[in-house]
Each structure stands twice: as structure tokens, then as C-alpha cells.
Amino acid sequence: MQTLAGILTLVAGVIFPMAMLAWLAFRMNKKPPLSSDRVGMILAFNGVLPIGLVLVGLGLMAPSIWALGWVRIAAYFALGVAGIILISLLVRGVTGSASHREKG
């Protein structure tokens, strides 16, 4: 079961960046366009989350890899940074949409 979870986590870590870039390409064609700082945060999230997912997936598939201290630290750090970026995107999205409505 742990190997299956590792494989699914690895697949998610590989597919997620491509799906996010496809979504971003479609989103950039809509009005109103995303601000450049929001696009930067989305791309940062798109770079950090897959690293954490791939490391966790490898750790689930091969416990000897997870036993290495730097792998655990890198995985937790990448997932933590991805969480912080996601929270900031959500908070900025809520406050940004309210300020956008006031302007328009």
C-alpha cells in the first residue's frame, strides 16, 4: 500500500506542473488578466510543490531514501514553502478581489 501511495504521489508531482501551466495559459487569455506578482506567486508554487511531492513519493517507495536526513528536510521544507505560498495566494485572492470590485 505504501508503494502505491508513493507511485501516486510521484505521478501527482510530475503531472501537477504541466496541468498548472496549462491552466495558467488558459487563464491569461481571460479578462481581467492576472497581475504580474500573482503570476509570479503561481509559478513559484508550481516550482516548489512538485519538488516536495516527488521527494515524498520517493520516500514512500524506498524507505532507505527517506532515512536520509536531507531528503526529509528538503521534502518538509518544500511542502512548507508551498503551503505558505498557497496561503498567501488565497489571502491575496480574497483581499485582491474585494479591492478590485471597489476600483471598478
PDB file of N, CA and C in Angstrom:
ATOM      1  N   MET A   1       0.826  -1.204   0.000  1.00  0.00           N
ATOM      2  CA  MET A   1       0.000   0.000   0.000  1.00  0.00           C
ATOM      3  C   MET A   1       0.867   1.264   0.000  1.00  0.00           C
ATOM      4  N   GLN A   2       1.984   1.179   0.732  1.00  0.00           N
ATOM      5  CA  GLN A   2       2.881   2.332   0.802  1.00  0.00           C
ATOM      6  C   GLN A   2       3.526   2.597  -0.558  1.00  0.00           C
ATOM      7  N   THR A   3       3.830   1.536  -1.299  1.00  0.00           N
ATOM      8  CA  THR A   3       4.410   1.708  -2.627  1.00  0.00           C
ATOM      9  C   THR A   3       3.406   2.353  -3.575  1.00  0.00           C
ATOM     10  N   LEU A   4       2.145   1.941  -3.479  1.00  0.00           N
ATOM     11  CA  LEU A   4       1.111   2.542  -4.319  1.00  0.00           C
ATOM     12  C   LEU A   4       0.953   4.026  -4.012  1.00  0.00           C
ATOM     13  N   ALA A   5       0.964   4.372  -2.731  1.00  0.00           N
ATOM     14  CA  ALA A   5       0.877   5.786  -2.346  1.00  0.00           C
ATOM     15  C   ALA A   5       2.083   6.557  -2.878  1.00  0.00           C
ATOM     16  N   GLY A   6       3.253   5.948  -2.842  1.00  0.00           N
ATOM     17  CA  GLY A   6       4.451   6.588  -3.381  1.00  0.00           C
ATOM     18  C   GLY A   6       4.357   6.828  -4.877  1.00  0.00           C
ATOM     19  N   ILE A   7       3.845   5.831  -5.600  1.00  0.00           N
ATOM     20  CA  ILE A   7       3.699   5.974  -7.050  1.00  0.00           C
ATOM     21  C   ILE A   7       2.697   7.073  -7.376  1.00  0.00           C
ATOM     22  N   LEU A   8       1.563   7.085  -6.673  1.00  0.00           N
ATOM     23  CA  LEU A   8       0.556   8.115  -6.930  1.00  0.00           C
ATOM     24  C   LEU A   8       1.074   9.510  -6.587  1.00  0.00           C
ATOM     25  N   THR A   9       1.857   9.611  -5.526  1.00  0.00           N
ATOM     26  CA  THR A   9       2.436  10.907  -5.159  1.00  0.00           C
ATOM     27  C   THR A   9       3.446  11.362  -6.208  1.00  0.00           C
ATOM     28  N   LEU A  10       4.262  10.426  -6.703  1.00  0.00           N
ATOM     29  CA  LEU A  10       5.210  10.768  -7.769  1.00  0.00           C
ATOM     30  C   LEU A  10       4.483  11.215  -9.034  1.00  0.00           C
ATOM     31  N   VAL A  11       3.441  10.512  -9.401  1.00  0.00           N
ATOM     32  CA  VAL A  11       2.671  10.877 -10.598  1.00  0.00           C
ATOM     33  C   VAL A  11       2.064  12.266 -10.424  1.00  0.00           C
ATOM     34  N   ALA A  12       1.518  12.532  -9.243  1.00  0.00           N
ATOM     35  CA  ALA A  12       0.956  13.864  -8.984  1.00  0.00           C
ATOM     36  C   ALA A  12       2.040  14.932  -9.073  1.00  0.00           C
ATOM     37  N   GLY A  13       3.231  14.628  -8.568  1.00  0.00           N
ATOM     38  CA  GLY A  13       4.332  15.582  -8.617  1.00  0.00           C
ATOM     39  C   GLY A  13       4.819  15.865 -10.025  1.00  0.00           C
ATOM     40  N   VAL A  14       4.637  14.915 -10.924  1.00  0.00           N
ATOM     41  CA  VAL A  14       5.063  15.110 -12.308  1.00  0.00           C
ATOM     42  C   VAL A  14       3.963  15.774 -13.131  1.00  0.00           C
ATOM     43  N   ILE A  15       2.708  15.387 -12.906  1.00  0.00           N
ATOM     44  CA  ILE A  15       1.603  15.910 -13.708  1.00  0.00           C
ATOM     45  C   ILE A  15       1.204  17.320 -13.273  1.00  0.00           C
ATOM     46  N   PHE A  16       1.302  17.616 -11.982  1.00  0.00           N
ATOM     47  CA  PHE A  16       0.831  18.899 -11.462  1.00  0.00           C
ATOM     48  C   PHE A  16       1.428  20.109 -12.176  1.00  0.00           C
ATOM     49  N   PRO A  17       2.765  20.193 -12.373  1.00  0.00           N
ATOM     50  CA  PRO A  17       3.306  21.399 -13.027  1.00  0.00           C
ATOM     51  C   PRO A  17       2.785  21.596 -14.450  1.00  0.00           C
ATOM     52  N   MET A  18       2.629  20.488 -15.171  1.00  0.00           N
ATOM     53  CA  MET A  18       2.123  20.629 -16.541  1.00  0.00           C
ATOM     54  C   MET A  18       0.667  21.083 -16.544  1.00  0.00           C
ATOM     55  N   ALA A  19      -0.124  20.531 -15.648  1.00  0.00           N
ATOM     56  CA  ALA A  19      -1.530  20.930 -15.571  1.00  0.00           C
ATOM     57  C   ALA A  19      -1.656  22.385 -15.125  1.00  0.00           C
ATOM     58  N   MET A  20      -0.820  22.809 -14.187  1.00  0.00           N
ATOM     59  CA  MET A  20      -0.860  24.188 -13.709  1.00  0.00           C
ATOM     60  C   MET A  20      -0.463  25.160 -14.815  1.00  0.00           C
ATOM     61  N   LEU A  21       0.523  24.813 -15.606  1.00  0.00           N
ATOM     62  CA  LEU A  21       0.919  25.685 -16.714  1.00  0.00           C
ATOM     63  C   LEU A  21      -0.169  25.748 -17.780  1.00  0.00           C
ATOM     64  N   ALA A  22      -0.856  24.631 -18.040  1.00  0.00           N
ATOM     65  CA  ALA A  22      -1.968  24.658 -18.993  1.00  0.00           C
ATOM     66  C   ALA A  22      -3.090  25.544 -18.466  1.00  0.00           C
ATOM     67  N   TRP A  23      -3.411  25.424 -17.173  1.00  0.00           N
ATOM     68  CA  TRP A  23      -4.441  26.279 -16.582  1.00  0.00           C
ATOM     69  C   TRP A  23      -4.041  27.750 -16.670  1.00  0.00           C
ATOM     70  N   LEU A  24      -2.763  28.035 -16.388  1.00  0.00           N
ATOM     71  CA  LEU A  24      -2.284  29.415 -16.425  1.00  0.00           C
ATOM     72  C   LEU A  24      -2.358  29.977 -17.847  1.00  0.00           C
ATOM     73  N   ALA A  25      -2.062  29.160 -18.843  1.00  0.00           N
ATOM     74  CA  ALA A  25      -2.149  29.614 -20.234  1.00  0.00           C
ATOM     75  C   ALA A  25      -3.589  29.977 -20.597  1.00  0.00           C
ATOM     76  N   PHE A  26      -4.548  29.145 -20.173  1.00  0.00           N
ATOM     77  CA  PHE A  26      -5.955  29.468 -20.435  1.00  0.00           C
ATOM     78  C   PHE A  26      -6.388  30.691 -19.652  1.00  0.00           C
ATOM     79  N   ARG A  27      -5.917  30.811 -18.428  1.00  0.00           N
ATOM     80  CA  ARG A  27      -6.325  31.925 -17.558  1.00  0.00           C
ATOM     81  C   ARG A  27      -5.777  33.254 -18.064  1.00  0.00           C
ATOM     82  N   MET A  28      -4.610  33.256 -18.672  1.00  0.00           N
ATOM     83  CA  MET A  28      -4.011  34.500 -19.156  1.00  0.00           C
ATOM     84  C   MET A  28      -4.789  35.078 -20.336  1.00  0.00           C
ATOM     85  N   ASN A  29      -5.592  34.265 -21.016  1.00  0.00           N
ATOM     86  CA  ASN A  29      -6.390  34.751 -22.142  1.00  0.00           C
ATOM     87  C   ASN A  29      -7.709  35.372 -21.707  1.00  0.00           C
ATOM     88  N   LYS A  30      -8.057  35.249 -20.426  1.00  0.00           N
ATOM     89  CA  LYS A  30      -9.328  35.786 -19.950  1.00  0.00           C
ATOM     90  C   LYS A  30      -9.152  37.191 -19.403  1.00  0.00           C
ATOM     91  N   LYS A  31     -10.266  37.883 -19.271  1.00  0.00           N
ATOM     92  CA  LYS A  31     -10.276  39.227 -18.696  1.00  0.00           C
ATOM     93  C   LYS A  31     -10.867  39.154 -17.311  1.00  0.00           C
ATOM     94  N   PRO A  32     -10.420  39.862 -16.335  1.00  0.00           N
ATOM     95  CA  PRO A  32      -9.221  40.689 -16.311  1.00  0.00           C
ATOM     96  C   PRO A  32      -7.978  39.815 -16.195  1.00  0.00           C
ATOM     97  N   PRO A  33      -6.876  40.281 -16.758  1.00  0.00           N
ATOM     98  CA  PRO A  33      -5.652  39.475 -16.697  1.00  0.00           C
ATOM     99  C   PRO A  33      -5.107  39.420 -15.268  1.00  0.00           C
ATOM    100  N   LEU A  34      -4.352  38.378 -14.998  1.00  0.00           N
ATOM    101  CA  LEU A  34      -3.712  38.262 -13.694  1.00  0.00           C
ATOM    102  C   LEU A  34      -2.591  39.285 -13.573  1.00  0.00           C
ATOM    103  N   SER A  35      -2.386  39.784 -12.374  1.00  0.00           N
ATOM    104  CA  SER A  35      -1.281  40.720 -12.160  1.00  0.00           C
ATOM    105  C   SER A  35       0.039  39.950 -12.205  1.00  0.00           C
ATOM    106  N   SER A  36       1.101  40.668 -12.486  1.00  0.00           N
ATOM    107  CA  SER A  36       2.402  40.018 -12.633  1.00  0.00           C
ATOM    108  C   SER A  36       2.883  39.410 -11.319  1.00  0.00           C
ATOM    109  N   ASP A  37       2.583  40.047 -10.176  1.00  0.00           N
ATOM    110  CA  ASP A  37       3.019  39.454  -8.916  1.00  0.00           C
ATOM    111  C   ASP A  37       2.236  38.181  -8.597  1.00  0.00           C
ATOM    112  N   ARG A  38       0.969  38.129  -8.997  1.00  0.00           N
ATOM    113  CA  ARG A  38       0.175  36.912  -8.788  1.00  0.00           C
ATOM    114  C   ARG A  38       0.680  35.780  -9.692  1.00  0.00           C
ATOM    115  N   VAL A  39       1.041  36.092 -10.926  1.00  0.00           N
ATOM    116  CA  VAL A  39       1.602  35.085 -11.828  1.00  0.00           C
ATOM    117  C   VAL A  39       2.924  34.571 -11.262  1.00  0.00           C
ATOM    118  N   GLY A  40       3.726  35.461 -10.715  1.00  0.00           N
ATOM    119  CA  GLY A  40       4.988  35.049 -10.105  1.00  0.00           C
ATOM    120  C   GLY A  40       4.784  34.113  -8.928  1.00  0.00           C
ATOM    121  N   MET A  41       3.794  34.407  -8.103  1.00  0.00           N
ATOM    122  CA  MET A  41       3.498  33.531  -6.965  1.00  0.00           C
ATOM    123  C   MET A  41       2.984  32.168  -7.448  1.00  0.00           C
ATOM    124  N   ILE A  42       2.168  32.166  -8.474  1.00  0.00           N
ATOM    125  CA  ILE A  42       1.665  30.897  -9.024  1.00  0.00           C
ATOM    126  C   ILE A  42       2.815  30.071  -9.579  1.00  0.00           C
ATOM    127  N   LEU A  43       3.743  30.708 -10.283  1.00  0.00           N
ATOM    128  CA  LEU A  43       4.886  29.983 -10.831  1.00  0.00           C
ATOM    129  C   LEU A  43       5.817  29.495  -9.732  1.00  0.00           C
ATOM    130  N   ALA A  44       5.963  30.271  -8.649  1.00  0.00           N
ATOM    131  CA  ALA A  44       6.771  29.813  -7.519  1.00  0.00           C
ATOM    132  C   ALA A  44       6.127  28.587  -6.871  1.00  0.00           C
ATOM    133  N   PHE A  45       4.818  28.629  -6.690  1.00  0.00           N
ATOM    134  CA  PHE A  45       4.087  27.480  -6.154  1.00  0.00           C
ATOM    135  C   PHE A  45       4.241  26.278  -7.074  1.00  0.00           C
ATOM    136  N   ASN A  46       4.191  26.532  -8.377  1.00  0.00           N
ATOM    137  CA  ASN A  46       4.328  25.480  -9.377  1.00  0.00           C
ATOM    138  C   ASN A  46       5.729  24.880  -9.382  1.00  0.00           C
ATOM    139  N   GLY A  47       6.704  25.596  -8.887  1.00  0.00           N
ATOM    140  CA  GLY A  47       8.059  25.065  -8.833  1.00  0.00           C
ATOM    141  C   GLY A  47       8.375  24.337  -7.545  1.00  0.00           C
ATOM    142  N   VAL A  48       7.772  24.760  -6.447  1.00  0.00           N
ATOM    143  CA  VAL A  48       8.129  24.219  -5.140  1.00  0.00           C
ATOM    144  C   VAL A  48       7.315  22.966  -4.790  1.00  0.00           C
ATOM    145  N   LEU A  49       6.024  22.977  -5.054  1.00  0.00           N
ATOM    146  CA  LEU A  49       5.175  21.847  -4.665  1.00  0.00           C
ATOM    147  C   LEU A  49       5.605  20.531  -5.323  1.00  0.00           C
ATOM    148  N   PRO A  50       5.910  20.499  -6.622  1.00  0.00           N
ATOM    149  CA  PRO A  50       6.323  19.220  -7.213  1.00  0.00           C
ATOM    150  C   PRO A  50       7.604  18.655  -6.599  1.00  0.00           C
ATOM    151  N   ILE A  51       8.511  19.507  -6.175  1.00  0.00           N
ATOM    152  CA  ILE A  51       9.731  19.020  -5.536  1.00  0.00           C
ATOM    153  C   ILE A  51       9.380  18.256  -4.262  1.00  0.00           C
ATOM    154  N   GLY A  52       8.508  18.845  -3.448  1.00  0.00           N
ATOM    155  CA  GLY A  52       8.089  18.174  -2.228  1.00  0.00           C
ATOM    156  C   GLY A  52       7.338  16.886  -2.515  1.00  0.00           C
ATOM    157  N   LEU A  53       6.458  16.897  -3.507  1.00  0.00           N
ATOM    158  CA  LEU A  53       5.692  15.690  -3.833  1.00  0.00           C
ATOM    159  C   LEU A  53       6.589  14.570  -4.342  1.00  0.00           C
ATOM    160  N   VAL A  54       7.548  14.900  -5.185  1.00  0.00           N
ATOM    161  CA  VAL A  54       8.446  13.876  -5.712  1.00  0.00           C
ATOM    162  C   VAL A  54       9.312  13.300  -4.600  1.00  0.00           C
ATOM    163  N   LEU A  55       9.812  14.134  -3.706  1.00  0.00           N
ATOM    164  CA  LEU A  55      10.630  13.622  -2.607  1.00  0.00           C
ATOM    165  C   LEU A  55       9.819  12.740  -1.662  1.00  0.00           C
ATOM    166  N   VAL A  56       8.593  13.145  -1.360  1.00  0.00           N
ATOM    167  CA  VAL A  56       7.745  12.315  -0.504  1.00  0.00           C
ATOM    168  C   VAL A  56       7.405  11.004  -1.219  1.00  0.00           C
ATOM    169  N   GLY A  57       7.122  11.066  -2.504  1.00  0.00           N
ATOM    170  CA  GLY A  57       6.838   9.850  -3.269  1.00  0.00           C
ATOM    171  C   GLY A  57       8.008   8.892  -3.284  1.00  0.00           C
ATOM    172  N   LEU A  58       9.209   9.425  -3.483  1.00  0.00           N
ATOM    173  CA  LEU A  58      10.401   8.569  -3.432  1.00  0.00           C
ATOM    174  C   LEU A  58      10.592   7.975  -2.046  1.00  0.00           C
ATOM    175  N   GLY A  59      10.326   8.788  -1.025  1.00  0.00           N
ATOM    176  CA  GLY A  59      10.457   8.294   0.340  1.00  0.00           C
ATOM    177  C   GLY A  59       9.463   7.201   0.663  1.00  0.00           C
ATOM    178  N   LEU A  60       8.260   7.308   0.129  1.00  0.00           N
ATOM    179  CA  LEU A  60       7.270   6.263   0.362  1.00  0.00           C
ATOM    180  C   LEU A  60       7.623   4.970  -0.375  1.00  0.00           C
ATOM    181  N   MET A  61       8.208   5.110  -1.542  1.00  0.00           N
ATOM    182  CA  MET A  61       8.560   3.921  -2.324  1.00  0.00           C
ATOM    183  C   MET A  61       9.821   3.245  -1.814  1.00  0.00           C
ATOM    184  N   ALA A  62      10.775   4.037  -1.340  1.00  0.00           N
ATOM    185  CA  ALA A  62      12.050   3.483  -0.880  1.00  0.00           C
ATOM    186  C   ALA A  62      12.371   4.063   0.501  1.00  0.00           C
ATOM    187  N   PRO A  63      12.046   3.329   1.552  1.00  0.00           N
ATOM    188  CA  PRO A  63      12.329   3.834   2.903  1.00  0.00           C
ATOM    189  C   PRO A  63      13.804   4.146   3.146  1.00  0.00           C
ATOM    190  N   SER A  64      14.704   3.512   2.392  1.00  0.00           N
ATOM    191  CA  SER A  64      16.127   3.822   2.558  1.00  0.00           C
ATOM    192  C   SER A  64      16.431   5.251   2.118  1.00  0.00           C
ATOM    193  N   ILE A  65      15.695   5.745   1.125  1.00  0.00           N
ATOM    194  CA  ILE A  65      15.870   7.140   0.700  1.00  0.00           C
ATOM    195  C   ILE A  65      15.302   8.068   1.767  1.00  0.00           C
ATOM    196  N   TRP A  66      14.147   7.712   2.323  1.00  0.00           N
ATOM    197  CA  TRP A  66      13.523   8.546   3.348  1.00  0.00           C
ATOM    198  C   TRP A  66      14.358   8.581   4.617  1.00  0.00           C
ATOM    199  N   ALA A  67      15.196   7.559   4.832  1.00  0.00           N
ATOM    200  CA  ALA A  67      16.051   7.518   6.017  1.00  0.00           C
ATOM    201  C   ALA A  67      17.142   8.585   5.961  1.00  0.00           C
ATOM    202  N   LEU A  68      17.459   9.070   4.779  1.00  0.00           N
ATOM    203  CA  LEU A  68      18.444  10.147   4.656  1.00  0.00           C
ATOM    204  C   LEU A  68      17.843  11.429   5.218  1.00  0.00           C
ATOM    205  N   GLY A  69      18.567  12.057   6.104  1.00  0.00           N
ATOM    206  CA  GLY A  69      18.054  13.249   6.768  1.00  0.00           C
ATOM    207  C   GLY A  69      17.773  14.398   5.818  1.00  0.00           C
ATOM    208  N   TRP A  70      18.638  14.602   4.847  1.00  0.00           N
ATOM    209  CA  TRP A  70      18.456  15.759   3.962  1.00  0.00           C
ATOM    210  C   TRP A  70      17.231  15.603   3.070  1.00  0.00           C
ATOM    211  N   VAL A  71      16.841  14.361   2.759  1.00  0.00           N
ATOM    212  CA  VAL A  71      15.653  14.153   1.937  1.00  0.00           C
ATOM    213  C   VAL A  71      14.408  14.568   2.711  1.00  0.00           C
ATOM    214  N   ARG A  72      14.322  14.148   3.968  1.00  0.00           N
ATOM    215  CA  ARG A  72      13.174  14.535   4.795  1.00  0.00           C
ATOM    216  C   ARG A  72      13.117  16.048   4.990  1.00  0.00           C
ATOM    217  N   ILE A  73      14.259  16.643   5.282  1.00  0.00           N
ATOM    218  CA  ILE A  73      14.303  18.091   5.498  1.00  0.00           C
ATOM    219  C   ILE A  73      13.897  18.831   4.223  1.00  0.00           C
ATOM    220  N   ALA A  74      14.424  18.409   3.079  1.00  0.00           N
ATOM    221  CA  ALA A  74      14.093  19.069   1.810  1.00  0.00           C
ATOM    222  C   ALA A  74      12.616  18.899   1.476  1.00  0.00           C
ATOM    223  N   ALA A  75      12.067  17.716   1.724  1.00  0.00           N
ATOM    224  CA  ALA A  75      10.655  17.476   1.432  1.00  0.00           C
ATOM    225  C   ALA A  75       9.770  18.333   2.322  1.00  0.00           C
ATOM    226  N   TYR A  76      10.048  18.339   3.620  1.00  0.00           N
ATOM    227  CA  TYR A  76       9.237  19.148   4.539  1.00  0.00           C
ATOM    228  C   TYR A  76       9.379  20.634   4.236  1.00  0.00           C
ATOM    229  N   PHE A  77      10.588  21.068   3.904  1.00  0.00           N
ATOM    230  CA  PHE A  77      10.809  22.476   3.580  1.00  0.00           C
ATOM    231  C   PHE A  77      10.037  22.869   2.321  1.00  0.00           C
ATOM    232  N   ALA A  78      10.112  22.042   1.276  1.00  0.00           N
ATOM    233  CA  ALA A  78       9.418  22.347   0.024  1.00  0.00           C
ATOM    234  C   ALA A  78       7.910  22.377   0.235  1.00  0.00           C
ATOM    235  N   LEU A  79       7.378  21.415   0.973  1.00  0.00           N
ATOM    236  CA  LEU A  79       5.936  21.401   1.219  1.00  0.00           C
ATOM    237  C   LEU A  79       5.515  22.565   2.113  1.00  0.00           C
ATOM    238  N   GLY A  80       6.367  22.939   3.072  1.00  0.00           N
ATOM    239  CA  GLY A  80       6.070  24.091   3.925  1.00  0.00           C
ATOM    240  C   GLY A  80       6.047  25.395   3.140  1.00  0.00           C
ATOM    241  N   VAL A  81       7.029  25.579   2.281  1.00  0.00           N
ATOM    242  CA  VAL A  81       7.073  26.782   1.447  1.00  0.00           C
ATOM    243  C   VAL A  81       5.874  26.809   0.497  1.00  0.00           C
ATOM    244  N   ALA A  82       5.518  25.649  -0.068  1.00  0.00           N
ATOM    245  CA  ALA A  82       4.350  25.583  -0.945  1.00  0.00           C
ATOM    246  C   ALA A  82       3.085  25.952  -0.171  1.00  0.00           C
ATOM    247  N   GLY A  83       2.993  25.503   1.073  1.00  0.00           N
ATOM    248  CA  GLY A  83       1.836  25.858   1.901  1.00  0.00           C
ATOM    249  C   GLY A  83       1.768  27.348   2.179  1.00  0.00           C
ATOM    250  N   ILE A  84       2.899  27.952   2.469  1.00  0.00           N
ATOM    251  CA  ILE A  84       2.944  29.392   2.726  1.00  0.00           C
ATOM    252  C   ILE A  84       2.547  30.174   1.470  1.00  0.00           C
ATOM    253  N   ILE A  85       3.066  29.745   0.323  1.00  0.00           N
ATOM    254  CA  ILE A  85       2.715  30.418  -0.931  1.00  0.00           C
ATOM    255  C   ILE A  85       1.228  30.264  -1.223  1.00  0.00           C
ATOM    256  N   LEU A  86       0.690  29.067  -0.991  1.00  0.00           N
ATOM    257  CA  LEU A  86      -0.733  28.836  -1.234  1.00  0.00           C
ATOM    258  C   LEU A  86      -1.599  29.704  -0.323  1.00  0.00           C
ATOM    259  N   ILE A  87      -1.230  29.798   0.938  1.00  0.00           N
ATOM    260  CA  ILE A  87      -1.981  30.650   1.864  1.00  0.00           C
ATOM    261  C   ILE A  87      -1.917  32.105   1.427  1.00  0.00           C
ATOM    262  N   SER A  88      -0.734  32.566   1.019  1.00  0.00           N
ATOM    263  CA  SER A  88      -0.626  33.960   0.582  1.00  0.00           C
ATOM    264  C   SER A  88      -1.422  34.202  -0.701  1.00  0.00           C
ATOM    265  N   LEU A  89      -1.466  33.214  -1.602  1.00  0.00           N
ATOM    266  CA  LEU A  89      -2.288  33.360  -2.804  1.00  0.00           C
ATOM    267  C   LEU A  89      -3.763  33.428  -2.449  1.00  0.00           C
ATOM    268  N   LEU A  90      -4.198  32.591  -1.513  1.00  0.00           N
ATOM    269  CA  LEU A  90      -5.607  32.600  -1.119  1.00  0.00           C
ATOM    270  C   LEU A  90      -5.979  33.902  -0.415  1.00  0.00           C
ATOM    271  N   VAL A  91      -5.126  34.369   0.496  1.00  0.00           N
ATOM    272  CA  VAL A  91      -5.406  35.619   1.208  1.00  0.00           C
ATOM    273  C   VAL A  91      -5.389  36.780   0.234  1.00  0.00           C
ATOM    274  N   ARG A  92      -4.416  36.797  -0.650  1.00  0.00           N
ATOM    275  CA  ARG A  92      -4.331  37.881  -1.628  1.00  0.00           C
ATOM    276  C   ARG A  92      -5.495  37.825  -2.612  1.00  0.00           C
ATOM    277  N   GLY A  93      -5.963  36.614  -2.938  1.00  0.00           N
ATOM    278  CA  GLY A  93      -7.102  36.475  -3.839  1.00  0.00           C
ATOM    279  C   GLY A  93      -8.372  37.018  -3.228  1.00  0.00           C
ATOM    280  N   VAL A  94      -8.564  36.767  -1.934  1.00  0.00           N
ATOM    281  CA  VAL A  94      -9.763  37.263  -1.261  1.00  0.00           C
ATOM    282  C   VAL A  94      -9.704  38.770  -1.127  1.00  0.00           C
ATOM    283  N   THR A  95      -8.583  39.308  -0.665  1.00  0.00           N
ATOM    284  CA  THR A  95      -8.478  40.755  -0.489  1.00  0.00           C
ATOM    285  C   THR A  95      -8.321  41.451  -1.830  1.00  0.00           C
ATOM    286  N   GLY A  96      -7.645  40.798  -2.787  1.00  0.00           N
ATOM    287  CA  GLY A  96      -7.467  41.415  -4.095  1.00  0.00           C
ATOM    288  C   GLY A  96      -8.762  41.554  -4.862  1.00  0.00           C
ATOM    289  N   SER A  97      -9.640  40.566  -4.739  1.00  0.00           N
ATOM    290  CA  SER A  97     -10.901  40.646  -5.462  1.00  0.00           C
ATOM    291  C   SER A  97     -11.799  41.729  -4.858  1.00  0.00           C
ATOM    292  N   ALA A  98     -11.729  41.924  -3.542  1.00  0.00           N
ATOM    293  CA  ALA A  98     -12.535  42.979  -2.913  1.00  0.00           C
ATOM    294  C   ALA A  98     -12.042  44.364  -3.330  1.00  0.00           C
ATOM    295  N   SER A  99     -10.728  44.535  -3.363  1.00  0.00           N
ATOM    296  CA  SER A  99     -10.205  45.831  -3.754  1.00  0.00           C
ATOM    297  C   SER A  99     -10.445  46.080  -5.245  1.00  0.00           C
ATOM    298  N   HIS A 100     -10.462  45.011  -6.044  1.00  0.00           N
ATOM    299  CA  HIS A 100     -10.735  45.161  -7.468  1.00  0.00           C
ATOM    300  C   HIS A 100     -12.180  45.596  -7.695  1.00  0.00           C
ATOM    301  N   ARG A 101     -13.115  45.072  -6.887  1.00  0.00           N
ATOM    302  CA  ARG A 101     -14.504  45.479  -7.026  1.00  0.00           C
ATOM    303  C   ARG A 101     -14.716  46.938  -6.628  1.00  0.00           C
ATOM    304  N   GLU A 102     -13.948  47.402  -5.638  1.00  0.00           N
ATOM    305  CA  GLU A 102     -14.088  48.789  -5.200  1.00  0.00           C
ATOM    306  C   GLU A 102     -13.592  49.741  -6.272  1.00  0.00           C
ATOM    307  N   LYS A 103     -12.527  49.357  -6.988  1.00  0.00           N
ATOM    308  CA  LYS A 103     -11.971  50.204  -8.032  1.00  0.00           C
ATOM    309  C   LYS A 103     -12.919  50.295  -9.217  1.00  0.00           C
ATOM    310  N   GLY A 104     -13.522  49.166  -9.556  1.00  0.00           N
ATOM    311  CA  GLY A 104     -14.338  49.100 -10.773  1.00  0.00           C
ATOM    312  C   GLY A 104     -15.720  49.399 -10.506  1.00  0.00           C
TER     313      GLY A 104
END
